[in-house]
Full PDB file with SEQRES, HELIX, SHEET, SSBOND, CRYST1, ORIGX, SCALE, CONECT and MASTER records, all heavy atoms in Angstrom:
SEQRES   1 A   31  THR SER GLY LYS PRO VAL SER SER TRP THR CYS LEU LEU          
SEQRES   2 A   31  ASP LEU GLU GLY LEU ASN MET ARG HIS LEU TRP ARG PRO          
SEQRES   3 A   31  GLY VAL LYS ALA LEU                                          
HELIX    1 AA1 MET A   20  LEU A   23  5                                   4    
HELIX    2 AA2 ARG A   25  ALA A   30  1                                   6    
CRYST1    1.000    1.000    1.000  90.00  90.00  90.00 P 1           1          
ORIGX1      1.000000  0.000000  0.000000        0.00000                         
ORIGX2      0.000000  1.000000  0.000000        0.00000                         
ORIGX3      0.000000  0.000000  1.000000        0.00000                         
SCALE1      1.000000  0.000000  0.000000        0.00000                         
SCALE2      0.000000  1.000000  0.000000        0.00000                         
SCALE3      0.000000  0.000000  1.000000        0.00000                         
ATOM      1  N   THR A   1       0.797  -1.224   0.000  1.00  0.00           N  
ATOM      2  CA  THR A   1       0.000   0.000   0.000  1.00  0.00           C  
ATOM      3  C   THR A   1       0.832   1.278   0.000  1.00  0.00           C  
ATOM      4  O   THR A   1       0.393   2.301  -0.520  1.00  0.00           O  
ATOM      5  CB  THR A   1      -0.939   0.018   1.224  1.00  0.00           C  
ATOM      6  OG1 THR A   1      -0.153  -0.097   2.427  1.00  0.00           O  
ATOM      7  CG2 THR A   1      -1.923  -1.130   1.161  1.00  0.00           C  
ATOM      8  N   SER A   2       2.051   1.216   0.572  1.00  0.00           N  
ATOM      9  CA  SER A   2       2.849   2.437   0.693  1.00  0.00           C  
ATOM     10  C   SER A   2       3.710   2.715  -0.530  1.00  0.00           C  
ATOM     11  O   SER A   2       4.207   3.832  -0.700  1.00  0.00           O  
ATOM     12  CB  SER A   2       3.749   2.363   1.932  1.00  0.00           C  
ATOM     13  OG  SER A   2       4.727   1.337   1.782  1.00  0.00           O  
ATOM     14  N   GLY A   3       3.917   1.710  -1.369  1.00  0.00           N  
ATOM     15  CA  GLY A   3       4.741   1.908  -2.554  1.00  0.00           C  
ATOM     16  C   GLY A   3       6.221   1.891  -2.266  1.00  0.00           C  
ATOM     17  O   GLY A   3       7.025   2.285  -3.114  1.00  0.00           O  
ATOM     18  N   LYS A   4       6.614   1.459  -1.075  1.00  0.00           N  
ATOM     19  CA  LYS A   4       8.026   1.345  -0.726  1.00  0.00           C  
ATOM     20  C   LYS A   4       8.216   0.132   0.183  1.00  0.00           C  
ATOM     21  O   LYS A   4       7.260  -0.316   0.832  1.00  0.00           O  
ATOM     22  CB  LYS A   4       8.513   2.617  -0.016  1.00  0.00           C  
ATOM     23  CG  LYS A   4       7.790   2.914   1.286  1.00  0.00           C  
ATOM     24  CD  LYS A   4       8.299   4.213   1.911  1.00  0.00           C  
ATOM     25  CE  LYS A   4       7.575   4.512   3.221  1.00  0.00           C  
ATOM     26  NZ  LYS A   4       8.052   5.770   3.835  1.00  0.00           N  
ATOM     27  N   PRO A   5       9.427  -0.416   0.220  1.00  0.00           N  
ATOM     28  CA  PRO A   5       9.636  -1.624   1.027  1.00  0.00           C  
ATOM     29  C   PRO A   5       9.502  -1.355   2.516  1.00  0.00           C  
ATOM     30  O   PRO A   5      10.110  -0.425   3.050  1.00  0.00           O  
ATOM     31  CB  PRO A   5      11.065  -2.052   0.664  1.00  0.00           C  
ATOM     32  CG  PRO A   5      11.724  -0.831   0.131  1.00  0.00           C  
ATOM     33  CD  PRO A   5      10.643  -0.031  -0.514  1.00  0.00           C  
ATOM     34  N   VAL A   6       8.686  -2.158   3.185  1.00  0.00           N  
ATOM     35  CA  VAL A   6       8.537  -2.117   4.644  1.00  0.00           C  
ATOM     36  C   VAL A   6       8.799  -3.531   5.154  1.00  0.00           C  
ATOM     37  O   VAL A   6       8.106  -4.471   4.765  1.00  0.00           O  
ATOM     38  CB  VAL A   6       7.124  -1.653   5.063  1.00  0.00           C  
ATOM     39  CG1 VAL A   6       6.989  -1.669   6.586  1.00  0.00           C  
ATOM     40  CG2 VAL A   6       6.828  -0.268   4.511  1.00  0.00           C  
ATOM     41  N   SER A   7       9.799  -3.686   5.982  1.00  0.00           N  
ATOM     42  CA  SER A   7      10.192  -5.023   6.425  1.00  0.00           C  
ATOM     43  C   SER A   7      10.101  -5.221   7.928  1.00  0.00           C  
ATOM     44  O   SER A   7      10.363  -6.308   8.422  1.00  0.00           O  
ATOM     45  CB  SER A   7      11.637  -5.312   5.974  1.00  0.00           C  
ATOM     46  OG  SER A   7      12.533  -4.370   6.539  1.00  0.00           O  
ATOM     47  N   SER A   8       9.736  -4.175   8.669  1.00  0.00           N  
ATOM     48  CA  SER A   8       9.718  -4.292  10.127  1.00  0.00           C  
ATOM     49  C   SER A   8       8.613  -3.422  10.698  1.00  0.00           C  
ATOM     50  O   SER A   8       7.969  -2.662   9.981  1.00  0.00           O  
ATOM     51  CB  SER A   8      11.077  -3.881  10.711  1.00  0.00           C  
ATOM     52  OG  SER A   8      11.400  -2.545  10.331  1.00  0.00           O  
ATOM     53  N   TRP A   9       8.392  -3.544  11.999  1.00  0.00           N  
ATOM     54  CA  TRP A   9       7.378  -2.735  12.651  1.00  0.00           C  
ATOM     55  C   TRP A   9       7.980  -1.971  13.824  1.00  0.00           C  
ATOM     56  O   TRP A   9       9.102  -2.218  14.241  1.00  0.00           O  
ATOM     57  CB  TRP A   9       6.187  -3.574  13.111  1.00  0.00           C  
ATOM     58  CG  TRP A   9       6.509  -4.727  14.012  1.00  0.00           C  
ATOM     59  CD1 TRP A   9       6.714  -4.708  15.352  1.00  0.00           C  
ATOM     60  CD2 TRP A   9       6.637  -6.104  13.620  1.00  0.00           C  
ATOM     61  NE1 TRP A   9       6.965  -5.973  15.834  1.00  0.00           N  
ATOM     62  CE2 TRP A   9       6.921  -6.849  14.794  1.00  0.00           C  
ATOM     63  CE3 TRP A   9       6.538  -6.776  12.406  1.00  0.00           C  
ATOM     64  CZ2 TRP A   9       7.112  -8.223  14.769  1.00  0.00           C  
ATOM     65  CZ3 TRP A   9       6.736  -8.152  12.391  1.00  0.00           C  
ATOM     66  CH2 TRP A   9       7.006  -8.860  13.548  1.00  0.00           C  
ATOM     67  N   THR A  10       7.206  -1.028  14.335  1.00  0.00           N  
ATOM     68  CA  THR A  10       7.629  -0.198  15.464  1.00  0.00           C  
ATOM     69  C   THR A  10       6.848  -0.598  16.704  1.00  0.00           C  
ATOM     70  O   THR A  10       5.647  -0.870  16.623  1.00  0.00           O  
ATOM     71  CB  THR A  10       7.394   1.294  15.157  1.00  0.00           C  
ATOM     72  OG1 THR A  10       8.307   1.713  14.142  1.00  0.00           O  
ATOM     73  CG2 THR A  10       7.610   2.159  16.387  1.00  0.00           C  
ATOM     74  N   CYS A  11       7.534  -0.646  17.828  1.00  0.00           N  
ATOM     75  CA  CYS A  11       6.876  -0.963  19.098  1.00  0.00           C  
ATOM     76  C   CYS A  11       6.914   0.270  19.994  1.00  0.00           C  
ATOM     77  O   CYS A  11       7.983   0.845  20.237  1.00  0.00           O  
ATOM     78  CB  CYS A  11       7.571  -2.133  19.791  1.00  0.00           C  
ATOM     79  SG  CYS A  11       6.820  -2.575  21.387  1.00  0.00           S  
ATOM     80  N   LEU A  12       5.745   0.690  20.457  1.00  0.00           N  
ATOM     81  CA  LEU A  12       5.631   1.773  21.429  1.00  0.00           C  
ATOM     82  C   LEU A  12       5.392   1.126  22.787  1.00  0.00           C  
ATOM     83  O   LEU A  12       4.337   0.534  23.028  1.00  0.00           O  
ATOM     84  CB  LEU A  12       4.489   2.713  21.056  1.00  0.00           C  
ATOM     85  CG  LEU A  12       4.182   3.850  22.042  1.00  0.00           C  
ATOM     86  CD1 LEU A  12       5.407   4.728  22.269  1.00  0.00           C  
ATOM     87  CD2 LEU A  12       3.014   4.693  21.544  1.00  0.00           C  
ATOM     88  N   LEU A  13       6.376   1.228  23.661  1.00  0.00           N  
ATOM     89  CA  LEU A  13       6.353   0.533  24.945  1.00  0.00           C  
ATOM     90  C   LEU A  13       6.121   1.540  26.070  1.00  0.00           C  
ATOM     91  O   LEU A  13       6.984   2.369  26.364  1.00  0.00           O  
ATOM     92  CB  LEU A  13       7.683  -0.209  25.147  1.00  0.00           C  
ATOM     93  CG  LEU A  13       7.755  -1.269  26.232  1.00  0.00           C  
ATOM     94  CD1 LEU A  13       6.763  -2.390  25.963  1.00  0.00           C  
ATOM     95  CD2 LEU A  13       9.169  -1.838  26.319  1.00  0.00           C  
ATOM     96  N   ASP A  14       4.953   1.458  26.699  1.00  0.00           N  
ATOM     97  CA  ASP A  14       4.617   2.353  27.808  1.00  0.00           C  
ATOM     98  C   ASP A  14       4.886   1.627  29.122  1.00  0.00           C  
ATOM     99  O   ASP A  14       4.317   0.565  29.392  1.00  0.00           O  
ATOM    100  CB  ASP A  14       3.141   2.755  27.712  1.00  0.00           C  
ATOM    101  CG  ASP A  14       2.719   3.639  28.876  1.00  0.00           C  
ATOM    102  OD1 ASP A  14       3.588   4.334  29.445  1.00  0.00           O  
ATOM    103  OD2 ASP A  14       1.523   3.626  29.224  1.00  0.00           O  
ATOM    104  N   LEU A  15       5.767   2.212  29.940  1.00  0.00           N  
ATOM    105  CA  LEU A  15       6.186   1.548  31.174  1.00  0.00           C  
ATOM    106  C   LEU A  15       5.580   2.169  32.426  1.00  0.00           C  
ATOM    107  O   LEU A  15       6.008   1.845  33.539  1.00  0.00           O  
ATOM    108  CB  LEU A  15       7.720   1.574  31.282  1.00  0.00           C  
ATOM    109  CG  LEU A  15       8.482   0.869  30.156  1.00  0.00           C  
ATOM    110  CD1 LEU A  15       9.972   0.885  30.440  1.00  0.00           C  
ATOM    111  CD2 LEU A  15       8.004  -0.560  29.972  1.00  0.00           C  
ATOM    112  N   GLU A  16       4.607   3.048  32.275  1.00  0.00           N  
ATOM    113  CA  GLU A  16       3.987   3.615  33.468  1.00  0.00           C  
ATOM    114  C   GLU A  16       3.335   2.503  34.284  1.00  0.00           C  
ATOM    115  O   GLU A  16       2.566   1.696  33.764  1.00  0.00           O  
ATOM    116  CB  GLU A  16       2.926   4.649  33.096  1.00  0.00           C  
ATOM    117  CG  GLU A  16       2.348   5.337  34.328  1.00  0.00           C  
ATOM    118  CD  GLU A  16       1.251   6.318  33.983  1.00  0.00           C  
ATOM    119  OE1 GLU A  16       0.332   5.930  33.244  1.00  0.00           O  
ATOM    120  OE2 GLU A  16       1.315   7.468  34.446  1.00  0.00           O  
ATOM    121  N   GLY A  17       3.638   2.477  35.571  1.00  0.00           N  
ATOM    122  CA  GLY A  17       3.101   1.433  36.446  1.00  0.00           C  
ATOM    123  C   GLY A  17       4.068   0.283  36.668  1.00  0.00           C  
ATOM    124  O   GLY A  17       3.805  -0.605  37.487  1.00  0.00           O  
ATOM    125  N   LEU A  18       5.199   0.280  35.945  1.00  0.00           N  
ATOM    126  CA  LEU A  18       6.182  -0.791  36.131  1.00  0.00           C  
ATOM    127  C   LEU A  18       6.769  -0.708  37.541  1.00  0.00           C  
ATOM    128  O   LEU A  18       7.185   0.358  37.985  1.00  0.00           O  
ATOM    129  CB  LEU A  18       7.296  -0.667  35.100  1.00  0.00           C  
ATOM    130  CG  LEU A  18       8.275  -1.842  35.005  1.00  0.00           C  
ATOM    131  CD1 LEU A  18       7.630  -3.006  34.272  1.00  0.00           C  
ATOM    132  CD2 LEU A  18       9.548  -1.420  34.281  1.00  0.00           C  
ATOM    133  N   ASN A  19       6.784  -1.823  38.241  1.00  0.00           N  
ATOM    134  CA  ASN A  19       7.354  -1.851  39.584  1.00  0.00           C  
ATOM    135  C   ASN A  19       8.002  -3.202  39.843  1.00  0.00           C  
ATOM    136  O   ASN A  19       8.159  -4.016  38.922  1.00  0.00           O  
ATOM    137  CB  ASN A  19       6.287  -1.534  40.637  1.00  0.00           C  
ATOM    138  CG  ASN A  19       5.080  -2.458  40.523  1.00  0.00           C  
ATOM    139  OD1 ASN A  19       5.224  -3.670  40.357  1.00  0.00           O  
ATOM    140  ND2 ASN A  19       3.886  -1.888  40.597  1.00  0.00           N  
ATOM    141  N   MET A  20       8.362  -3.449  41.085  1.00  0.00           N  
ATOM    142  CA  MET A  20       9.119  -4.660  41.395  1.00  0.00           C  
ATOM    143  C   MET A  20       8.329  -5.947  41.165  1.00  0.00           C  
ATOM    144  O   MET A  20       8.914  -7.008  41.009  1.00  0.00           O  
ATOM    145  CB  MET A  20       9.619  -4.614  42.838  1.00  0.00           C  
ATOM    146  CG  MET A  20      10.717  -3.575  43.087  1.00  0.00           C  
ATOM    147  SD  MET A  20      12.159  -3.769  42.016  1.00  0.00           S  
ATOM    148  CE  MET A  20      12.780  -5.358  42.555  1.00  0.00           C  
ATOM    149  N   ARG A  21       7.004  -5.860  41.136  1.00  0.00           N  
ATOM    150  CA  ARG A  21       6.252  -7.090  40.870  1.00  0.00           C  
ATOM    151  C   ARG A  21       6.503  -7.592  39.448  1.00  0.00           C  
ATOM    152  O   ARG A  21       6.318  -8.777  39.155  1.00  0.00           O  
ATOM    153  CB  ARG A  21       4.756  -6.875  41.115  1.00  0.00           C  
ATOM    154  CG  ARG A  21       4.076  -5.919  40.146  1.00  0.00           C  
ATOM    155  CD  ARG A  21       2.612  -5.715  40.520  1.00  0.00           C  
ATOM    156  NE  ARG A  21       1.985  -4.679  39.724  1.00  0.00           N  
ATOM    157  CZ  ARG A  21       1.448  -4.878  38.525  1.00  0.00           C  
ATOM    158  NH1 ARG A  21       1.467  -6.083  38.000  1.00  0.00           N  
ATOM    159  NH2 ARG A  21       0.897  -3.880  37.862  1.00  0.00           N  
ATOM    160  N   HIS A  22       6.940  -6.677  38.571  1.00  0.00           N  
ATOM    161  CA  HIS A  22       7.266  -7.104  37.213  1.00  0.00           C  
ATOM    162  C   HIS A  22       8.611  -7.820  37.158  1.00  0.00           C  
ATOM    163  O   HIS A  22       8.961  -8.403  36.128  1.00  0.00           O  
ATOM    164  CB  HIS A  22       7.274  -5.902  36.263  1.00  0.00           C  
ATOM    165  CG  HIS A  22       5.915  -5.316  36.020  1.00  0.00           C  
ATOM    166  ND1 HIS A  22       5.389  -4.311  36.797  1.00  0.00           N  
ATOM    167  CD2 HIS A  22       4.970  -5.607  35.090  1.00  0.00           C  
ATOM    168  CE1 HIS A  22       4.180  -4.003  36.360  1.00  0.00           C  
ATOM    169  NE2 HIS A  22       3.904  -4.770  35.324  1.00  0.00           N  
ATOM    170  N   LEU A  23       9.367  -7.746  38.246  1.00  0.00           N  
ATOM    171  CA  LEU A  23      10.639  -8.477  38.313  1.00  0.00           C  
ATOM    172  C   LEU A  23      10.459  -9.848  38.938  1.00  0.00           C  
ATOM    173  O   LEU A  23      11.423 -10.459  39.386  1.00  0.00           O  
ATOM    174  CB  LEU A  23      11.665  -7.666  39.121  1.00  0.00           C  
ATOM    175  CG  LEU A  23      12.095  -6.343  38.480  1.00  0.00           C  
ATOM    176  CD1 LEU A  23      13.120  -5.657  39.358  1.00  0.00           C  
ATOM    177  CD2 LEU A  23      12.661  -6.576  37.096  1.00  0.00           C  
ATOM    178  N   TRP A  24       9.233 -10.317  38.986  1.00  0.00           N  
ATOM    179  CA  TRP A  24       8.936 -11.679  39.437  1.00  0.00           C  
ATOM    180  C   TRP A  24       9.751 -12.645  38.592  1.00  0.00           C  
ATOM    181  O   TRP A  24       9.637 -12.677  37.367  1.00  0.00           O  
ATOM    182  CB  TRP A  24       7.438 -11.913  39.273  1.00  0.00           C  
ATOM    183  CG  TRP A  24       6.939 -13.258  39.646  1.00  0.00           C  
ATOM    184  CD1 TRP A  24       7.058 -13.883  40.848  1.00  0.00           C  
ATOM    185  CD2 TRP A  24       6.192 -14.132  38.794  1.00  0.00           C  
ATOM    186  NE1 TRP A  24       6.438 -15.096  40.806  1.00  0.00           N  
ATOM    187  CE2 TRP A  24       5.900 -15.284  39.561  1.00  0.00           C  
ATOM    188  CE3 TRP A  24       5.756 -14.064  37.483  1.00  0.00           C  
ATOM    189  CZ2 TRP A  24       5.185 -16.346  39.044  1.00  0.00           C  
ATOM    190  CZ3 TRP A  24       5.044 -15.111  36.958  1.00  0.00           C  
ATOM    191  CH2 TRP A  24       4.768 -16.243  37.739  1.00  0.00           C  
ATOM    192  N   ARG A  25      10.612 -13.399  39.236  1.00  0.00           N  
ATOM    193  CA  ARG A  25      11.619 -14.166  38.507  1.00  0.00           C  
ATOM    194  C   ARG A  25      11.048 -15.129  37.468  1.00  0.00           C  
ATOM    195  O   ARG A  25      11.562 -15.190  36.352  1.00  0.00           O  
ATOM    196  CB  ARG A  25      12.510 -14.918  39.498  1.00  0.00           C  
ATOM    197  CG  ARG A  25      13.430 -14.024  40.295  1.00  0.00           C  
ATOM    198  CD  ARG A  25      14.338 -13.209  39.398  1.00  0.00           C  
ATOM    199  NE  ARG A  25      15.196 -14.022  38.557  1.00  0.00           N  
ATOM    200  CZ  ARG A  25      16.040 -13.557  37.665  1.00  0.00           C  
ATOM    201  NH1 ARG A  25      16.133 -12.251  37.482  1.00  0.00           N  
ATOM    202  NH2 ARG A  25      16.794 -14.355  36.942  1.00  0.00           N  
ATOM    203  N   PRO A  26      10.007 -15.903  37.766  1.00  0.00           N  
ATOM    204  CA  PRO A  26       9.459 -16.762  36.704  1.00  0.00           C  
ATOM    205  C   PRO A  26       8.987 -15.964  35.500  1.00  0.00           C  
ATOM    206  O   PRO A  26       9.128 -16.397  34.359  1.00  0.00           O  
ATOM    207  CB  PRO A  26       8.293 -17.475  37.401  1.00  0.00           C  
ATOM    208  CG  PRO A  26       8.675 -17.474  38.843  1.00  0.00           C  
ATOM    209  CD  PRO A  26       9.367 -16.164  39.071  1.00  0.00           C  
ATOM    210  N   GLY A  27       8.428 -14.761  35.766  1.00  0.00           N  
ATOM    211  CA  GLY A  27       7.989 -13.914  34.659  1.00  0.00           C  
ATOM    212  C   GLY A  27       9.151 -13.413  33.833  1.00  0.00           C  
ATOM    213  O   GLY A  27       9.102 -13.400  32.603  1.00  0.00           O  
ATOM    214  N   VAL A  28      10.218 -12.988  34.512  1.00  0.00           N  
ATOM    215  CA  VAL A  28      11.407 -12.524  33.800  1.00  0.00           C  
ATOM    216  C   VAL A  28      12.025 -13.667  33.003  1.00  0.00           C  
ATOM    217  O   VAL A  28      12.452 -13.486  31.854  1.00  0.00           O  
ATOM    218  CB  VAL A  28      12.439 -11.939  34.793  1.00  0.00           C  
ATOM    219  CG1 VAL A  28      13.747 -11.625  34.075  1.00  0.00           C  
ATOM    220  CG2 VAL A  28      11.892 -10.679  35.446  1.00  0.00           C  
ATOM    221  N   LYS A  29      12.060 -14.856  33.615  1.00  0.00           N  
ATOM    222  CA  LYS A  29      12.628 -16.009  32.917  1.00  0.00           C  
ATOM    223  C   LYS A  29      11.816 -16.353  31.668  1.00  0.00           C  
ATOM    224  O   LYS A  29      12.376 -16.645  30.607  1.00  0.00           O  
ATOM    225  CB  LYS A  29      12.679 -17.214  33.855  1.00  0.00           C  
ATOM    226  CG  LYS A  29      13.413 -18.412  33.278  1.00  0.00           C  
ATOM    227  CD  LYS A  29      13.559 -19.521  34.308  1.00  0.00           C  
ATOM    228  CE  LYS A  29      14.321 -20.716  33.718  1.00  0.00           C  
ATOM    229  NZ  LYS A  29      14.476 -21.810  34.709  1.00  0.00           N  
ATOM    230  N   ALA A  30      10.494 -16.290  31.801  1.00  0.00           N  
ATOM    231  CA  ALA A  30       9.641 -16.547  30.634  1.00  0.00           C  
ATOM    232  C   ALA A  30       9.872 -15.487  29.564  1.00  0.00           C  
ATOM    233  O   ALA A  30       9.936 -15.795  28.363  1.00  0.00           O  
ATOM    234  CB  ALA A  30       8.172 -16.573  31.053  1.00  0.00           C  
ATOM    235  N   LEU A  31      10.020 -14.226  29.992  1.00  0.00           N  
ATOM    236  CA  LEU A  31      10.270 -13.140  29.047  1.00  0.00           C  
ATOM    237  C   LEU A  31      11.582 -13.354  28.299  1.00  0.00           C  
ATOM    238  O   LEU A  31      11.658 -13.168  27.077  1.00  0.00           O  
ATOM    239  CB  LEU A  31      10.306 -11.807  29.795  1.00  0.00           C  
ATOM    240  CG  LEU A  31      10.697 -10.571  28.970  1.00  0.00           C  
ATOM    241  CD1 LEU A  31       9.696 -10.338  27.844  1.00  0.00           C  
ATOM    242  CD2 LEU A  31      10.804  -9.341  29.860  1.00  0.00           C  
TER     243      LEU A  31                                                      
MASTER        0    0    0    2    0    0    0    6  242    1    0    3          
END                                                                             
């Protein structure tokens, strides 16, 4: 649709609310 090569996407990562519960080790390991 754009008429030019597009091979990747952009990620907008909002980290508001990130705290130590996100460092839960099984979650980090899965990530």
